[in-house]
């Protein structure tokens, strides 16, 4: 159902699935085209940011290189599709996964390699990258208002981001691993006996599993709420 403003009602989800105040969710949906424009601008910046890595990567593997700009493009497309009356569950699920995974992975790596990034990156750029990526997680938490995350849609998102995880760290297919370039050599020791590549991979694996849990838990809780509503009505 939708409110009089055309914004979908908020399902009674637990706070770990819907941590944002309803007012914030409503604002995000009310100004959806602005959110789309901001994400498209972020996508353009992201593709520019990855231009050097494109130059050293085989063109066949380019779709797996620009992780963050792909995530912002996906959320822009997902929200635009909803605004046009054609919400696509698979696209919304892809946007959710991408913005949770990359929205957390980038701040994670900025912290893991904070000393190196501090020496190589302008402080303003460091802060921009850190907070803009966390904002991606925030917008991911609005998507439950426009989709029920059907299992098949979640499966599409899981398949894509599993392939992304594999070519980033484990089976690069063509050339070297296709993860975002790290600020140190891959075999640099980090913590708990892991090298830099292992530390970066651990973050992406963790956040992929987190996105899967959140999407499926949202599906389950929405189904439970619908069943209770049917039984009471």
Protein backbone atom coordinates (compact mmCIF):
# COMPACT_ATOMS: atom_id res chain seq x y z
CA UNK A 1 0.00 0.00 0.00
CA UNK A 2 0.98 3.63 -0.47
CA UNK A 3 0.30 6.81 1.45
CA UNK A 4 -1.55 9.77 -0.04
CA UNK A 5 1.79 11.11 -1.26
CA UNK A 6 2.46 7.95 -3.27
CA UNK A 7 5.16 6.79 -0.87
CA UNK A 8 4.84 3.11 0.14
CA UNK A 9 3.78 2.42 3.71
CA UNK A 10 6.45 1.36 6.16
CA UNK A 11 6.26 -2.29 7.20
CA UNK A 12 6.74 -3.11 10.91
CA UNK A 13 10.33 -4.25 10.59
CA UNK A 14 12.74 -4.63 13.53
CA UNK A 15 15.22 -1.80 14.03
CA UNK A 16 18.19 -3.78 12.68
CA UNK A 17 16.40 -3.99 9.31
CA UNK A 18 14.94 -0.47 9.35
CA UNK A 19 17.25 1.63 11.55
CA UNK A 20 16.44 4.98 9.94
CA UNK A 21 13.70 7.22 11.34
CA UNK A 22 10.57 7.12 9.19
CA UNK A 23 11.02 10.84 8.51
CA UNK A 24 14.39 10.19 6.86
CA UNK A 25 12.98 7.34 4.78
CA UNK A 26 10.07 9.54 3.68
CA UNK A 27 12.42 12.35 2.68
CA UNK A 28 14.56 9.99 0.64
CA UNK A 29 11.52 8.72 -1.26
CA UNK A 30 9.86 12.13 -1.60
CA UNK A 31 13.02 13.58 -3.17
CA UNK A 32 13.76 10.42 -5.13
CA UNK A 33 14.82 12.22 -8.32
CA UNK A 34 17.34 14.26 -6.34
CA UNK A 35 18.74 11.04 -4.89
CA UNK A 36 18.94 9.63 -8.41
CA UNK A 37 20.82 12.72 -9.62
CA UNK A 38 23.27 12.61 -6.69
CA UNK A 39 24.00 8.95 -7.34
CA UNK A 40 24.52 9.55 -11.05
CA UNK A 41 26.98 12.32 -10.21
CA UNK A 42 28.74 9.93 -7.82
CA UNK A 43 28.80 7.31 -10.57
CA UNK A 44 30.48 9.73 -12.97
CA UNK A 45 33.07 10.66 -10.35
CA UNK A 46 33.64 6.99 -9.57
CA UNK A 47 34.28 6.03 -13.18
CA UNK A 48 36.78 8.89 -13.40
CA UNK A 49 38.41 7.69 -10.17
CA UNK A 50 38.82 4.19 -11.64
CA UNK A 51 40.11 5.41 -15.01
CA UNK A 52 43.70 4.44 -14.20
CA UNK A 53 42.67 0.92 -13.22
CA UNK A 54 40.64 0.54 -16.43
CA UNK A 55 43.79 1.32 -18.38
CA UNK A 56 45.61 -1.66 -16.83
CA UNK A 57 42.71 -4.15 -16.93
CA UNK A 58 41.60 -6.28 -19.87
CA UNK A 59 38.37 -4.75 -21.30
CA UNK A 60 36.51 -8.06 -20.87
CA UNK A 61 36.88 -7.65 -17.08
CA UNK A 62 35.86 -3.99 -16.89
CA UNK A 63 32.35 -4.72 -15.49
CA UNK A 64 34.00 -6.11 -12.34
CA UNK A 65 36.34 -3.17 -11.74
CA UNK A 66 34.33 -0.06 -10.73
CA UNK A 67 32.57 -1.56 -7.70
CA UNK A 68 31.39 1.60 -5.93
CA UNK A 69 30.26 3.54 -9.04
CA UNK A 70 28.40 0.43 -10.20
CA UNK A 71 26.61 0.35 -6.84
CA UNK A 72 25.57 4.01 -7.08
CA UNK A 73 24.45 3.46 -10.68
CA UNK A 74 22.35 0.48 -9.59
CA UNK A 75 20.61 2.42 -6.82
CA UNK A 76 19.93 5.31 -9.20
CA UNK A 77 18.37 2.91 -11.71
CA UNK A 78 16.40 1.07 -9.02
CA UNK A 79 14.89 4.24 -7.58
CA UNK A 80 14.19 5.66 -11.04
CA UNK A 81 12.42 2.44 -12.05
CA UNK A 82 10.25 2.65 -8.92
CA UNK A 83 9.42 6.32 -9.53
CA UNK A 84 8.37 5.46 -13.08
CA UNK A 85 6.04 2.75 -11.75
CA UNK A 86 8.16 -0.21 -12.84
CA UNK A 87 10.09 -1.34 -9.76
CA UNK A 88 12.34 -4.28 -10.63
CA UNK A 89 12.98 -6.58 -7.64
CA UNK A 90 16.24 -7.93 -9.08
CA UNK A 91 17.53 -4.41 -9.70
CA UNK A 92 16.53 -3.21 -6.23
CA UNK A 93 18.22 -6.26 -4.69
CA UNK A 94 21.39 -5.57 -6.68
CA UNK A 95 21.32 -1.96 -5.50
CA UNK A 96 20.82 -3.06 -1.89
CA UNK A 97 23.70 -5.54 -2.00
CA UNK A 98 26.03 -3.11 -3.76
CA UNK A 99 25.41 -0.21 -1.42
CA UNK A 100 25.74 -2.31 1.72
CA UNK A 101 28.88 -4.13 0.56
CA UNK A 102 30.76 -1.20 -0.98
CA UNK A 103 29.35 1.33 1.45
CA UNK A 104 31.01 -0.63 4.26
CA UNK A 105 34.05 -2.06 2.47
CA UNK A 106 35.55 1.29 1.48
CA UNK A 107 35.48 2.82 5.02
CA UNK A 108 36.77 -0.53 6.30
CA UNK A 109 39.81 -0.45 3.99
CA UNK A 110 40.37 3.26 4.70
CA UNK A 111 40.64 2.33 8.38
CA UNK A 112 42.71 -0.85 7.88
CA UNK A 113 45.25 1.07 5.78
CA UNK A 114 44.68 4.43 7.47
CA UNK A 115 48.38 5.28 7.89
CA UNK A 116 49.10 4.70 4.22
CA UNK A 117 45.99 6.47 2.99
CA UNK A 118 46.74 9.42 5.27
CA UNK A 119 50.14 9.78 3.61
CA UNK A 120 48.88 9.30 0.03
CA UNK A 121 45.44 10.96 0.07
CA UNK A 122 44.45 14.57 0.70
CA UNK A 123 42.57 14.80 4.04
CA UNK A 124 39.48 16.21 2.32
CA UNK A 125 39.42 13.37 -0.21
CA UNK A 126 39.88 10.83 2.59
CA UNK A 127 36.92 12.29 4.50
CA UNK A 128 34.83 12.48 1.33
CA UNK A 129 35.47 8.85 0.46
CA UNK A 130 34.79 7.71 4.02
CA UNK A 131 31.50 9.53 4.62
CA UNK A 132 30.10 9.34 1.09
CA UNK A 133 30.42 5.56 1.18
CA UNK A 134 28.72 5.33 4.56
CA UNK A 135 25.91 7.39 3.01
CA UNK A 136 25.51 4.53 0.52
CA UNK A 137 24.62 2.23 3.42
CA UNK A 138 22.06 4.77 4.63
CA UNK A 139 20.30 4.86 1.26
CA UNK A 140 20.36 1.06 1.07
CA UNK A 141 18.23 1.03 4.22
CA UNK A 142 15.48 2.94 2.39
CA UNK A 143 15.05 0.32 -0.33
CA UNK A 144 12.88 -1.96 1.81
CA UNK A 145 10.12 0.62 1.29
CA UNK A 146 9.98 -0.06 -2.47
CA UNK A 147 10.63 -3.82 -2.64
CA UNK A 148 9.74 -7.04 -0.83
CA UNK A 149 13.11 -8.59 -1.79
CA UNK A 150 11.72 -11.81 -3.34
CA UNK A 151 14.07 -14.74 -3.06
CA UNK A 152 14.69 -14.88 -6.80
CA UNK A 153 15.71 -11.20 -6.80
CA UNK A 154 18.08 -11.78 -3.90
CA UNK A 155 19.50 -14.78 -5.79
CA UNK A 156 20.33 -12.55 -8.77
CA UNK A 157 22.12 -10.08 -6.50
CA UNK A 158 23.96 -12.84 -4.67
CA UNK A 159 25.10 -14.42 -7.96
CA UNK A 160 26.50 -11.13 -9.24
CA UNK A 161 28.27 -10.12 -6.05
CA UNK A 162 29.63 -13.62 -5.53
CA UNK A 163 31.15 -13.44 -9.00
CA UNK A 164 32.53 -10.01 -8.09
CA UNK A 165 34.05 -11.41 -4.92
CA UNK A 166 35.62 -14.33 -6.76
CA UNK A 167 37.29 -12.28 -9.50
CA UNK A 168 38.37 -9.61 -7.01
CA UNK A 169 40.33 -11.97 -4.77
CA UNK A 170 40.25 -15.65 -5.70
CA UNK A 171 39.81 -16.48 -9.41
CA UNK A 172 40.65 -13.39 -11.49
CA UNK A 173 39.89 -15.19 -14.82
CA UNK A 174 41.88 -12.70 -16.93
CA UNK A 175 44.96 -10.97 -15.55
CA UNK A 176 45.45 -10.20 -11.86
CA UNK A 177 42.74 -9.90 -9.17
CA UNK A 178 40.32 -7.10 -10.06
CA UNK A 179 39.71 -5.56 -6.63
CA UNK A 180 40.07 -1.83 -6.10
CA UNK A 181 43.78 -1.07 -6.04
CA UNK A 182 45.15 -1.27 -2.51
CA UNK A 183 47.63 1.34 -1.24
CA UNK A 184 50.21 -1.34 -0.32
CA UNK A 185 51.55 -4.51 -1.98
CA UNK A 186 49.13 -7.42 -1.62
CA UNK A 187 51.53 -9.45 0.55
CA UNK A 188 52.04 -6.67 3.12
CA UNK A 189 51.34 -8.06 6.64
CA UNK A 190 48.31 -6.47 8.30
CA UNK A 191 46.76 -8.13 11.36
CA UNK A 192 46.03 -11.61 12.75
CA UNK A 193 48.54 -13.08 10.33
CA UNK A 194 46.68 -11.81 7.24
CA UNK A 195 48.30 -9.99 4.36
CA UNK A 196 46.76 -6.92 2.72
CA UNK A 197 44.88 -8.96 0.11
CA UNK A 198 43.49 -11.28 2.78
CA UNK A 199 42.39 -8.39 4.97
CA UNK A 200 40.58 -6.71 2.07
CA UNK A 201 38.97 -10.00 1.03
CA UNK A 202 37.83 -10.71 4.60
CA UNK A 203 35.96 -7.42 4.63
CA UNK A 204 34.20 -8.07 1.33
CA UNK A 205 33.23 -11.63 2.29
CA UNK A 206 31.82 -10.39 5.60
CA UNK A 207 29.82 -7.57 4.03
CA UNK A 208 28.47 -9.84 1.27
CA UNK A 209 27.15 -12.26 3.89
CA UNK A 210 25.73 -9.32 5.85
CA UNK A 211 23.86 -8.03 2.77
CA UNK A 212 22.48 -11.52 2.14
CA UNK A 213 21.28 -11.84 5.73
CA UNK A 214 19.65 -8.41 5.76
CA UNK A 215 17.86 -8.93 2.44
CA UNK A 216 16.49 -12.36 3.37
CA UNK A 217 15.60 -11.25 6.90
CA UNK A 218 13.67 -8.32 5.41
CA UNK A 219 11.83 -10.76 3.14
CA UNK A 220 10.94 -13.02 6.07
CA UNK A 221 9.75 -10.17 8.30
CA UNK A 222 7.64 -8.66 5.51
CA UNK A 223 6.01 -12.03 4.87
CA UNK A 224 5.33 -12.46 8.59
CA UNK A 225 3.76 -8.99 8.77
CA UNK A 226 1.56 -9.72 5.74
CA UNK A 227 0.42 -13.03 7.23
CA UNK A 228 -0.47 -11.41 10.56
CA UNK A 229 -2.38 -8.69 8.75
CA UNK A 230 -4.35 -11.28 6.76
CA UNK A 231 -5.15 -13.24 9.92
CA UNK A 232 -6.33 -10.15 11.78
CA UNK A 233 -8.29 -8.71 8.87
